[in-house]
Amino acid sequence: MSIPPFLFYLAGALVLPLIPKGVMRSLFLLLVPVLALTQFVLLPFGEYANAELYGYTLILMRLDALAYAFSLIFSIAAFLAALFAWHIRDTTQQVATLVYSGAAIGAVQAGDLITLFCFWEATAFASVFLVWARRTTGAYFTGLRYLIIQMLSGLLLLAGVILHINATGSNLFVQFPDMSLAAVLILLAFGIKCAFPLLHDWLQDAYPASTATGTVVLSAFTTKLAVYALARGFPGLEVLVYIGALMTLFPIFYAVIENDLRRVLAFSLNNQLGFMVVGIGIGTPLALNGTVAHAFCHILYKALLFMSMGAVLLRAGTTKGSELGGLYKSMPYTMIFCVIGAASISAFPLFSGFISKSLILSATDKQGYTLVWLALLFASAGVFHHSGIKIPYFAFFAHDSGIRCREAPWNMLLAMGLTALLCVGIGIFPQPLYNILPYDIPYFPYTADHVVFQLQLLLFSALAFTVLMRTGIYPPELRSVNLSSDIVYRKWLPKFLLWTWGGIEQFIVSITTPLRRESWQAFRNIGIVLGNDRGSGAMLLWVGVLLVLLLTLTYVAR
């Protein structure tokens, strides 16, 4: 009997609070992804669990090569995250993790746009509780902003789905044939969740604000779900090649000057997403295979790096580079696993990042995107700087901070060990991963030219880091706040609107004296609220949401 896997997660979320906190509940959290995995891993490709809704067919479980690969890695990530959080007794985090994981897998297996939208929103609602579970004032406001932005993505998706169904009469989730208004809205929805440039700041704020274990879960699902959706709906859309190239480049500079090492990893996540988006934009079978393989490997090595920093946060109480150093003495196993994750993300030969990134670079070169290929090479060197060297160096080596703490709990070490084993195993034996990719294309990454070229790139990148450190040019780890594009709509735009509306009010009041106070007081109140630093971003986003909804309804009503 083919039961959609997401039902196991949702049923588990309902049952979990009834299980006493402790070993039994932790075992239950491990059992759920295992049971869900068994429901699709041996099934032949096809459509299962269809339902009818107002004349539309809902495909709750569609299995093909693309959906299978993402479902498999999401299931593995859910299991590893549950093991990493074995010691957690917070019901909120546990329930949110189950719902979030199930919704992500449900979205990947959704065969129609209506089902996709429902799971799309479910991932947003569930994941925000992993941020709020930190239970600090900063986490509350960060989570609120995260939720609003994710809701905006959902509303854009809903508007696009309505227009698409209205125009075509079909709700199937397949490649969009042209860039109609519906397709543009859906692309924007996917772009927000994929953290496109200028739409990315929620990621750097939310992930480091989450709990030590919650960040591991967040890093696995949201953005990779967007990568899957782009690969399903927009393969070969050339503009994505250039968007992806930009995504690989701009986070490098932020990551180099960032002090919080979990924020460094969040910027690095942007960088790695760029490689996947480039592959989708190229759209050839080799490029799409590279996107899927890189998403698969990225979930593992990024989880490993976030796990290591989560363990550091748990034991040392901070992930600020300026406050860490010398932890290899207290946490040697965590250090080793962090170095394995760093080698993987840096694409060292014999590690997972090498065998997946090679596909994208080869496809980019083969299709003649020379400038993009050079950008990806530069980005690869930058990744080695900020994730391959900076993360382990400032956390475990550098100066001795004097922090002496216990090693990570056994469950964290076991989760990191299994993840590290997968990173090394896939790097040495890539063929099992290649066998589940969407297209059957023979590819061998370990050619002499490719290995030598990659080692040269890494060697010169390491040499550059060493020279910059020895000469004092490399930016030191200091307490700082990095400004990004969100300052435009959080501070500058509200102030501009308040100033503009104030001028409009004075003009109208001057010509309509009877309306001096009462009629325009509500109008002025809007400007005051928009000028509030904490609420401005949220208010502006909701204004945008209402405008999009109004335009959509107007268009449909025609």
Foldseek 3Di string as FASTA:
>chain_A
DQDQLLVLLLVLLVCLVVDDFDQVSLVSQLVSLVVSCVRPVPDDFDFDDWDDDPRAIWGQFGDDLLLNLLLVLLSVLSNLLSLLCSVDRDSLLSSLSSQLSSLLNRLSGTFFLVSNLVSLLSNLVSLLSQQCVLVDPLSVLLSVLSSLLSVLLSLLSVLLQVVVCLVPVHGGQAADPDCDVSNVSNLVSLCLQLQFPLSNVSQLRRLVSGALSSSLSVLQGRNVSSLSSLLGHPAQQQVLLVSLLVQLPPLLVVLLQAFQLRSNLSSVSSNLSSLLSNLRNNRDLLSPLLNSLSSSLCSLLSSLLSLLLSQCCVWVVGRGLVQAAQCCVAAVLSLVLLLLSLCQLLLAQLFSVVVSSLSSLVSCVVVPVVVSSVSNLVSSLSSCVRRNDVRSCSHNHDDHNVDHTHYGDPSSSVSSVVSSCVRNVCSNPVVVSSVSGNDPDDDDRPDPVNNVVSVVSNVVSVVVNVVCVVVVNRNDRDDDDDDGSVCVQLAVVLVVVLVVVVVVLVVVCVVVVVVNDDVCVVVNVLSVQCNDNSCVSSVVSVVVSVVSVVVSVVVSVD
